[in-house]
N, C-alpha and C. Protein backbone atom coordinates (compact mmCIF):
# COMPACT_ATOMS: atom_id res chain seq x y z
N UNK A 1 -24.74 58.64 20.71
CA UNK A 1 -25.93 59.29 21.56
C UNK A 1 -26.93 59.50 20.58
N UNK A 2 -28.08 59.15 21.16
CA UNK A 2 -29.45 59.27 20.10
C UNK A 2 -30.10 60.70 20.08
N UNK A 3 -30.85 61.14 19.56
CA UNK A 3 -31.32 62.29 19.14
C UNK A 3 -32.43 62.63 20.39
N UNK A 4 -33.05 63.63 20.32
CA UNK A 4 -33.87 64.19 21.17
C UNK A 4 -35.34 63.62 20.57
N UNK A 5 -36.31 63.16 21.41
CA UNK A 5 -37.35 62.67 20.97
C UNK A 5 -38.16 63.36 20.07
N UNK A 6 -38.06 64.75 20.27
CA UNK A 6 -38.65 65.64 19.63
C UNK A 6 -38.32 65.77 18.30
N UNK A 7 -36.98 65.34 17.97
CA UNK A 7 -36.27 65.37 16.57
C UNK A 7 -37.10 64.37 15.63
N UNK A 8 -37.51 63.39 16.40
CA UNK A 8 -38.39 62.28 15.72
C UNK A 8 -39.80 62.60 14.82
N UNK A 9 -40.27 63.84 15.54
CA UNK A 9 -41.42 64.03 14.61
C UNK A 9 -42.81 63.50 15.67
N UNK A 10 -42.32 62.37 16.29
CA UNK A 10 -43.36 61.69 17.37
C UNK A 10 -42.86 61.25 18.41
N UNK A 11 -43.56 61.11 19.37
CA UNK A 11 -43.06 60.44 20.78
C UNK A 11 -42.93 59.10 20.42
N UNK A 12 -41.75 58.48 20.65
CA UNK A 12 -41.55 56.97 20.46
C UNK A 12 -42.49 56.20 21.45
N UNK A 13 -42.77 55.09 21.11
CA UNK A 13 -43.44 54.34 22.36
C UNK A 13 -42.53 53.84 23.23
N UNK A 14 -42.86 53.61 24.87
CA UNK A 14 -42.26 53.28 25.69
C UNK A 14 -43.03 52.34 26.65
N UNK A 15 -42.47 51.68 27.40
CA UNK A 15 -43.00 50.96 28.45
C UNK A 15 -42.30 51.29 29.66
N UNK A 16 -42.88 50.68 30.98
CA UNK A 16 -42.03 50.82 32.09
C UNK A 16 -41.60 49.43 32.59
N UNK A 17 -40.28 49.20 32.78
CA UNK A 17 -39.61 48.05 33.01
C UNK A 17 -40.05 47.51 34.52
N UNK A 18 -39.48 46.49 35.07
CA UNK A 18 -39.47 45.80 36.28
C UNK A 18 -38.97 46.73 37.52
N UNK A 19 -38.07 47.81 37.01
CA UNK A 19 -37.59 48.64 38.39
C UNK A 19 -38.50 49.97 38.24
N UNK A 20 -39.07 50.07 37.26
CA UNK A 20 -40.20 51.26 37.37
C UNK A 20 -39.49 52.55 36.29
N UNK A 21 -38.49 52.21 35.52
CA UNK A 21 -38.14 53.39 34.49
C UNK A 21 -38.78 52.98 33.32
N UNK A 22 -39.11 54.04 32.40
CA UNK A 22 -39.31 53.99 31.23
C UNK A 22 -38.14 53.63 30.36
N UNK A 23 -38.58 52.78 29.31
CA UNK A 23 -37.62 52.39 28.43
C UNK A 23 -38.41 52.42 27.11
N UNK A 24 -37.47 52.78 25.80
CA UNK A 24 -38.04 52.95 24.72
C UNK A 24 -37.98 51.47 24.07
N UNK A 25 -39.11 51.26 23.69
CA UNK A 25 -39.66 49.89 23.12
C UNK A 25 -38.76 49.49 21.80
N UNK A 26 -38.24 50.30 20.95
CA UNK A 26 -37.63 49.93 19.79
C UNK A 26 -36.09 49.64 19.98
N UNK A 27 -35.60 50.35 21.25
CA UNK A 27 -34.13 50.11 21.28
C UNK A 27 -33.84 49.76 22.56
N UNK A 28 -34.74 49.44 23.52
CA UNK A 28 -34.30 48.86 24.95
C UNK A 28 -33.52 50.02 25.76
N UNK A 29 -33.49 51.16 25.24
CA UNK A 29 -32.51 52.50 25.81
C UNK A 29 -33.52 52.82 26.85
N UNK A 30 -32.90 53.18 28.26
CA UNK A 30 -33.62 53.67 29.25
C UNK A 30 -33.83 55.39 28.89
N UNK A 31 -35.03 55.79 29.16
CA UNK A 31 -35.48 57.06 28.69
C UNK A 31 -34.62 58.24 29.34
N UNK A 32 -34.35 57.70 30.61
CA UNK A 32 -33.78 59.05 31.73
C UNK A 32 -32.23 59.22 31.18
N UNK A 33 -31.72 58.03 30.64
CA UNK A 33 -30.41 58.01 30.47
C UNK A 33 -30.24 58.86 28.84
N UNK A 34 -31.11 58.45 27.90
CA UNK A 34 -31.36 59.20 26.83
C UNK A 34 -31.29 60.59 27.02
N UNK A 35 -32.25 61.07 27.93
CA UNK A 35 -32.66 62.36 28.04
C UNK A 35 -31.43 63.12 28.58
N UNK A 36 -30.58 62.57 29.64
CA UNK A 36 -29.36 63.18 29.99
C UNK A 36 -28.49 63.50 29.04
N UNK A 37 -28.32 62.44 28.06
CA UNK A 37 -27.14 62.65 27.02
C UNK A 37 -27.67 63.64 26.25
N UNK A 38 -28.98 64.22 25.94
CA UNK A 38 -29.32 65.12 25.02
C UNK A 38 -29.08 66.53 25.75
N UNK A 39 -29.53 66.40 27.13
CA UNK A 39 -29.14 67.68 28.06
C UNK A 39 -27.54 68.00 28.03
N UNK A 40 -27.00 66.88 28.27
CA UNK A 40 -25.39 67.31 28.23
C UNK A 40 -24.80 67.46 26.95
N UNK A 41 -25.54 66.97 25.63
CA UNK A 41 -25.00 66.88 24.42
C UNK A 41 -23.83 66.16 24.24
N UNK A 42 -23.71 64.88 24.69
CA UNK A 42 -22.44 63.99 24.52
C UNK A 42 -23.24 62.73 25.01
N UNK A 43 -22.66 61.62 24.72
CA UNK A 43 -22.95 60.26 25.33
C UNK A 43 -22.58 59.99 26.75
N UNK A 44 -23.26 59.39 27.46
CA UNK A 44 -22.84 59.15 29.02
C UNK A 44 -21.89 58.12 28.99
N UNK A 45 -21.01 58.05 30.31
CA UNK A 45 -20.19 57.12 30.41
C UNK A 45 -20.61 56.16 31.14
N UNK A 46 -20.12 54.86 30.87
CA UNK A 46 -20.89 53.71 31.47
C UNK A 46 -20.85 53.84 33.14
N UNK A 47 -19.89 54.75 33.56
CA UNK A 47 -20.02 54.82 34.92
C UNK A 47 -20.81 55.89 35.50
N UNK A 48 -21.22 56.76 34.61
CA UNK A 48 -22.24 57.76 34.89
C UNK A 48 -23.42 57.39 35.53
N UNK A 49 -24.14 57.95 36.62
CA UNK A 49 -25.43 57.41 37.13
C UNK A 49 -26.53 58.86 37.06
N UNK A 50 -27.52 58.42 36.38
CA UNK A 50 -28.64 59.79 36.07
C UNK A 50 -29.72 59.61 37.57
N UNK A 51 -29.78 60.60 38.01
CA UNK A 51 -30.39 60.64 39.27
C UNK A 51 -31.65 61.73 38.91
N UNK A 52 -33.02 61.25 39.40
CA UNK A 52 -34.19 62.05 39.22
C UNK A 52 -34.26 62.68 40.46
N UNK A 53 -34.20 64.28 40.35
CA UNK A 53 -34.11 65.03 41.42
C UNK A 53 -35.20 64.98 42.46
N UNK A 54 -36.51 64.70 41.61
CA UNK A 54 -37.61 64.86 42.56
C UNK A 54 -37.94 63.02 43.02
N UNK A 55 -37.27 62.34 42.64
CA UNK A 55 -37.31 60.84 43.07
C UNK A 55 -38.42 60.25 42.28
N UNK A 56 -38.86 60.74 41.12
CA UNK A 56 -40.02 60.30 40.43
C UNK A 56 -39.55 59.48 39.22
N UNK A 57 -39.29 58.34 38.94
CA UNK A 57 -38.73 57.72 37.91
C UNK A 57 -39.39 57.81 36.53
N UNK A 58 -40.70 58.48 36.61
CA UNK A 58 -41.33 58.82 35.57
C UNK A 58 -41.16 59.98 35.05
N UNK A 59 -40.59 60.96 35.77
CA UNK A 59 -40.25 62.32 35.34
C UNK A 59 -38.82 62.43 34.71
N UNK A 60 -38.93 62.39 33.35
CA UNK A 60 -37.82 62.31 32.75
C UNK A 60 -37.46 63.53 31.84
N UNK A 61 -38.02 64.59 32.25
CA UNK A 61 -37.49 66.04 32.09
C UNK A 61 -36.38 66.49 32.23
N UNK A 62 -35.45 66.79 31.29
CA UNK A 62 -34.04 67.17 31.42
C UNK A 62 -33.69 68.11 32.62
N UNK A 63 -34.39 68.85 33.01
CA UNK A 63 -34.65 69.81 34.29
C UNK A 63 -34.55 68.99 35.69
N UNK A 64 -34.98 67.77 35.49
CA UNK A 64 -35.42 67.08 36.51
C UNK A 64 -34.13 66.04 36.84
N UNK A 65 -33.27 66.02 35.75
CA UNK A 65 -32.05 64.96 35.85
C UNK A 65 -30.80 65.62 36.05
N UNK A 66 -30.26 64.80 37.23
CA UNK A 66 -28.66 65.26 37.53
C UNK A 66 -27.78 63.90 37.20
N UNK A 67 -26.74 64.24 36.56
CA UNK A 67 -25.86 63.29 36.11
C UNK A 67 -24.69 63.25 37.32
N UNK A 68 -24.62 62.21 38.06
CA UNK A 68 -23.32 61.77 38.92
C UNK A 68 -22.12 60.96 38.12
N UNK A 69 -21.15 61.43 38.67
CA UNK A 69 -19.96 60.78 37.93
C UNK A 69 -20.07 59.42 38.26
N UNK A 70 -20.19 58.96 39.34
CA UNK A 70 -20.44 57.20 39.35
C UNK A 70 -21.37 56.94 40.80
N UNK A 71 -21.57 56.00 40.93
CA UNK A 71 -22.56 55.42 41.81
C UNK A 71 -22.31 55.69 43.10
N UNK A 72 -20.96 55.59 43.56
CA UNK A 72 -20.66 56.18 44.96
C UNK A 72 -21.15 57.80 45.16
N UNK A 73 -20.94 58.73 44.28
CA UNK A 73 -21.28 59.99 44.44
C UNK A 73 -22.78 60.35 44.63
N UNK A 74 -23.56 59.34 43.79
CA UNK A 74 -25.12 59.19 43.63
C UNK A 74 -25.54 58.77 44.98
N UNK A 75 -24.88 57.76 45.55
CA UNK A 75 -25.33 57.23 47.00
C UNK A 75 -25.22 58.11 47.93
N UNK A 76 -23.88 59.03 47.99
CA UNK A 76 -23.63 60.08 48.91
C UNK A 76 -24.75 61.14 48.98
N UNK A 77 -25.17 61.47 47.82
CA UNK A 77 -26.32 62.29 47.84
C UNK A 77 -27.51 61.95 48.38
N UNK A 78 -27.97 60.69 48.42
CA UNK A 78 -28.94 59.75 48.90
C UNK A 78 -28.75 60.02 50.60
N UNK A 79 -27.63 59.57 50.55
CA UNK A 79 -27.37 59.61 52.11
C UNK A 79 -27.38 60.98 53.21
N UNK A 80 -26.94 61.98 52.36
CA UNK A 80 -27.00 63.22 52.82
C UNK A 80 -28.73 63.71 52.84
N UNK A 81 -29.58 63.05 52.07
CA UNK A 81 -30.73 63.69 51.88
C UNK A 81 -31.38 62.80 52.82
N UNK A 82 -31.07 61.76 53.38
CA UNK A 82 -31.85 60.93 54.34
C UNK A 82 -31.32 61.46 55.84
N UNK A 83 -30.01 61.91 55.79
CA UNK A 83 -29.86 62.68 57.26
C UNK A 83 -30.62 63.94 57.13
N UNK A 84 -30.76 64.84 56.50
CA UNK A 84 -31.48 65.81 56.35
C UNK A 84 -32.86 65.63 56.35
N UNK A 85 -33.36 65.00 55.61
CA UNK A 85 -35.03 64.93 55.62
C UNK A 85 -35.72 63.61 55.71
N UNK A 86 -34.67 62.65 56.25
CA UNK A 86 -35.39 61.25 56.51
C UNK A 86 -35.19 60.01 55.56
N UNK A 87 -35.03 59.12 55.44
CA UNK A 87 -34.95 57.95 54.61
C UNK A 87 -35.93 58.01 53.52
N UNK A 88 -37.32 58.03 53.85
CA UNK A 88 -38.46 58.27 53.06
C UNK A 88 -38.51 59.22 51.99
N UNK A 89 -37.97 60.55 52.03
CA UNK A 89 -37.81 61.49 51.43
C UNK A 89 -36.55 61.11 50.28
N UNK A 90 -35.30 60.68 50.70
CA UNK A 90 -34.26 60.41 50.37
C UNK A 90 -34.44 59.54 49.14
N UNK A 91 -35.24 58.46 49.23
CA UNK A 91 -35.69 57.35 48.11
C UNK A 91 -36.79 57.65 47.41
N UNK A 92 -38.01 58.27 48.16
CA UNK A 92 -39.32 58.46 47.47
C UNK A 92 -39.70 59.60 47.16
N UNK A 93 -38.89 60.82 47.74
CA UNK A 93 -39.06 62.09 47.45
C UNK A 93 -40.52 62.73 48.15
N UNK A 94 -40.84 63.81 47.80
CA UNK A 94 -41.93 64.56 49.00
C UNK A 94 -43.27 63.94 48.48
N UNK A 95 -43.98 63.71 49.73
CA UNK A 95 -45.46 63.26 49.26
C UNK A 95 -46.31 64.30 49.81
């Protein structure tokens, strides 16, 4: 598990990949997965999926991240939201 970006003394450089997620330039690590590890205090398991509560892929604040045990649990949450609020909300968030 990596350190919190705050412990580096400066914010490392990132870019947005083709899927819209922030990635650290120097390691190729997805920022949201790193921040979830910092939040949990342990490395993520390969099967764990990090979910952005507000559906904003750029909002990697630990309070906005939820870790699901696997992709099926993550998908079930999106299906529940789609049934409750509509598919646009489930995948794009509130507008």
